[in-house]
Protein backbone atom coordinates (compact mmCIF):
# COMPACT_ATOMS: atom_id res chain seq x y z
CA MET A 1 81.33 23.57 149.35
CA ASP A 2 82.27 26.60 146.28
CA ILE A 3 80.62 29.53 147.36
CA ASP A 4 80.34 30.70 143.26
CA LYS A 5 78.77 27.84 142.56
CA ILE A 6 76.11 28.77 144.94
CA LEU A 7 75.95 31.98 143.37
CA TYR A 8 75.50 30.71 140.55
CA ASP A 9 72.75 28.22 140.61
CA PHE A 10 70.46 30.60 142.80
CA GLN A 11 71.08 33.00 139.75
CA GLN A 12 70.25 30.31 137.25
CA LYS A 13 66.71 29.64 139.22
CA LYS A 14 63.94 31.39 137.88
CA ASP A 15 61.11 33.05 139.72
CA PRO A 16 57.92 31.92 138.63
CA THR A 17 56.12 34.37 140.24
CA LYS A 18 58.69 37.21 138.78
CA GLU A 19 58.16 35.73 134.86
CA LYS A 20 54.39 36.24 135.33
CA ARG A 21 54.64 39.76 136.56
CA GLU A 22 57.10 40.81 134.13
CA LEU A 23 54.41 38.82 131.06
CA LEU A 24 51.54 40.81 132.86
CA LEU A 25 53.42 44.35 132.56
CA TYR A 26 54.63 43.94 129.19
CA SER A 27 51.45 42.62 128.30
CA ALA A 28 49.91 45.59 130.15
CA ILE A 29 52.25 48.19 128.09
CA LEU A 30 51.30 46.52 124.71
CA LEU A 31 47.35 47.16 125.53
CA PHE A 32 48.10 50.72 126.31
CA LEU A 33 50.01 51.17 123.39
CA LEU A 34 47.22 49.78 121.20
CA TYR A 35 44.55 52.09 123.49
CA ILE A 36 46.61 55.23 122.70
CA LEU A 37 47.00 53.78 119.02
CA LEU A 38 43.09 53.45 118.60
CA ILE A 39 42.35 56.65 119.86
CA VAL A 40 44.72 58.46 117.32
CA ASN A 41 43.71 55.98 114.40
CA THR A 42 40.43 57.01 115.27
CA LEU A 43 40.38 60.68 116.00
CA ILE A 44 43.59 61.93 114.11
CA LEU A 45 44.40 59.44 111.73
CA THR A 46 42.37 57.11 109.71
CA ASN A 47 43.63 55.10 106.11
CA VAL A 48 41.99 55.54 103.02
CA TYR A 49 41.85 52.92 99.62
CA VAL A 50 42.36 55.18 96.64
CA ILE A 51 40.23 54.17 93.94
CA GLY A 52 40.38 55.03 90.34
CA ASP A 53 43.30 57.00 87.98
CA SER A 54 42.58 60.71 88.67
CA MET A 55 45.84 60.92 90.70
CA LYS A 56 48.15 59.01 88.55
CA PRO A 57 51.38 58.85 88.08
CA THR A 58 51.35 59.99 91.73
CA LEU A 59 48.56 57.53 93.53
CA HIS A 60 46.96 54.25 91.90
CA THR A 61 43.69 52.46 92.37
CA GLY A 62 44.34 50.05 95.98
CA ASP A 63 47.06 52.46 97.29
CA VAL A 64 46.80 52.60 101.12
CA LEU A 65 47.17 56.11 102.62
CA TYR A 66 46.79 57.58 106.04
CA ILE A 67 45.11 61.00 106.06
CA ASN A 68 45.10 63.74 109.40
CA MET A 69 41.61 64.84 110.12
CA LEU A 70 42.76 67.69 111.95
CA THR A 71 45.47 69.62 109.61
CA ASN A 72 44.58 72.49 107.30
CA PRO A 73 45.86 71.72 104.06
CA THR A 74 47.90 73.76 102.18
CA TYR A 75 49.57 74.28 98.69
CA GLY A 76 50.42 70.79 96.78
CA ASP A 77 49.05 68.64 99.89
CA ILE A 78 46.82 65.75 98.79
CA ILE A 79 43.69 65.95 100.64
CA VAL A 80 40.53 63.51 100.61
CA ILE A 81 37.25 65.87 100.39
CA ASN A 82 33.52 65.50 100.00
CA VAL A 83 32.59 66.93 97.22
CA GLU A 84 28.72 66.59 96.72
CA ASP A 85 26.70 64.53 99.73
CA GLY A 86 26.10 61.34 99.02
CA LYS A 87 28.80 60.44 96.95
CA ASP A 88 31.94 59.04 97.84
CA PRO A 89 35.19 61.17 98.72
CA TYR A 90 37.76 62.47 96.00
CA ILE A 91 40.99 62.37 96.36
CA LYS A 92 42.94 65.30 95.03
CA ARG A 93 46.03 67.81 95.08
CA VAL A 94 45.78 71.41 96.29
CA ILE A 95 46.46 74.21 94.29
CA GLY A 96 44.68 77.08 95.16
CA LEU A 97 43.13 78.87 98.98
CA GLU A 98 40.79 81.33 99.39
CA GLY A 99 41.59 84.66 97.63
CA ASP A 100 43.68 82.48 94.79
CA THR A 101 42.85 83.02 91.20
CA VAL A 102 43.95 79.89 89.15
CA GLN A 103 43.56 79.24 85.88
CA CYS A 104 45.27 77.65 82.37
CA VAL A 105 46.34 79.25 79.66
CA LYS A 106 48.27 78.57 75.80
CA ILE A 107 51.29 79.62 75.90
CA ASP A 108 53.96 78.73 73.28
CA GLY A 109 51.49 75.60 72.06
CA GLU A 110 51.77 74.53 75.56
CA ASN A 111 48.90 74.68 78.38
CA VAL A 112 50.37 76.40 81.64
CA LEU A 113 48.99 76.16 84.60
CA GLN A 114 49.17 79.75 86.42
CA ILE A 115 47.98 81.01 89.76
CA MET A 116 47.54 84.97 91.01
CA TYR A 117 48.46 84.52 94.83
CA LYS A 118 46.05 86.47 97.15
CA GLY A 119 47.10 90.04 97.57
CA THR A 120 49.41 89.96 94.54
CA SER A 121 48.62 91.51 90.82
CA ASP A 122 51.06 88.68 88.86
CA TYR A 123 50.63 85.11 87.62
CA ILE A 124 52.97 82.82 88.52
CA ASN A 125 53.29 79.43 86.43
CA LEU A 126 52.98 76.25 88.39
CA ASP A 127 55.50 73.07 87.87
CA SER A 128 53.17 70.33 86.37
CA SER A 129 55.94 68.24 85.83
CA TYR A 130 54.48 65.68 88.44
CA THR A 131 51.56 65.49 86.69
CA PHE A 132 50.05 62.13 84.88
CA SER A 133 48.98 64.51 81.28
CA GLU A 134 48.64 68.22 80.36
CA THR A 135 46.47 70.70 82.02
CA PRO A 136 42.70 71.88 79.96
CA ILE A 137 42.94 74.89 79.12
CA PHE A 138 39.91 76.92 81.58
CA ASN A 139 39.20 80.22 82.08
CA ALA A 140 40.29 82.08 85.63
CA ILE A 141 38.75 81.01 88.83
CA THR A 142 38.88 82.77 91.57
CA VAL A 143 39.15 80.82 95.04
CA GLY A 144 36.27 82.04 97.72
CA ILE A 145 36.22 82.62 101.42
CA ASN A 146 36.82 79.44 103.63
CA GLU A 147 37.10 77.64 100.12
CA VAL A 148 39.92 75.43 97.92
CA PHE A 149 40.79 75.21 94.73
CA PHE A 150 41.77 71.34 93.76
CA LEU A 151 43.15 68.65 90.90
CA GLY A 152 43.71 65.10 90.05
CA ASP A 153 47.69 64.82 89.10
CA ASN A 154 45.79 62.92 86.01
CA ARG A 155 44.37 66.29 84.50
CA ASN A 156 42.72 65.00 82.02
CA ASN A 157 40.77 62.07 83.74
CA SER A 158 39.44 64.01 87.12
CA GLU A 159 36.69 65.23 87.64
CA ASP A 160 37.83 68.39 90.00
CA SER A 161 37.74 72.46 90.06
CA THR A 162 37.67 72.94 86.50
CA GLU A 163 34.09 71.65 86.26
CA LEU A 164 32.50 71.52 89.83
CA GLY A 165 34.33 74.44 91.30
CA CYS A 166 35.63 75.68 94.61
CA ARG A 167 34.82 73.41 97.73
CA SER A 168 34.62 74.71 101.82
CA LEU A 169 37.08 74.00 103.90
CA ASP A 170 34.90 72.26 105.89
CA ARG A 171 34.53 69.29 102.95
CA ILE A 172 37.83 68.00 103.52
CA VAL A 173 38.13 64.80 105.26
CA GLY A 174 41.70 65.01 105.65
CA VAL A 175 45.39 65.67 104.47
CA VAL A 176 47.38 62.68 103.28
CA THR A 177 50.42 62.48 105.58
CA LYS A 178 53.65 62.75 104.02
CA TRP A 179 54.89 59.62 105.45
CA SER A 180 51.93 57.43 104.47
CA LEU A 181 53.25 59.00 101.18
CA LYS A 182 56.67 57.93 101.13
CA HIS A 183 55.31 54.44 102.75
CA LYS A 184 52.52 53.96 100.55
CA VAL A 185 54.19 50.57 98.70
CA PHE A 186 54.47 49.26 102.51
CA LEU A 187 51.33 50.24 103.23
CA THR A 188 49.62 48.89 101.11
CA LYS A 189 51.57 45.69 101.26
CA LEU A 190 50.49 45.60 104.75
CA ALA A 191 46.71 46.00 104.29
CA ASN A 192 47.01 43.54 101.65
CA LEU A 193 48.07 40.98 103.88
CA ILE A 194 45.57 41.72 106.64
């Protein structure tokens, strides 16, 4: 008898108990990962659905995004904020933080959004190239302690700090993650399949 053939035959035989143990191990790992994902999704990240046109062209009705509920917002972040009790949260862009003064003035026939950062004495023109419409003119608004000034990207179709004033940071539900903005088309298609 050929020893190589015997070894080959032995290696080809499958041990059913080993296969079951491997299947149980992989199932346990998958369940653990799903559990961790559930915890992260519940305590840190959650998904949101965009409704309305106030953030065009950046966001559209039906877009699915994820927000981080533990992150503090900074300039340019897109946030979900409870503007008023009993109303659905808004999704807007952070323009000013505590101590900043924000205004929109007409310069050479164009509406220009400006900010004077806390501790400075000069206004700086802000880039508005990402917006859908021109920012309406409004007088200087100074952001209060622990507050945020926010605008929609579709400035002529947005209920925001120009009408509502600034809101407290504790009203912010979360900050939209950069990766979900980058992959919003994929996330939206995936959510529509489920």
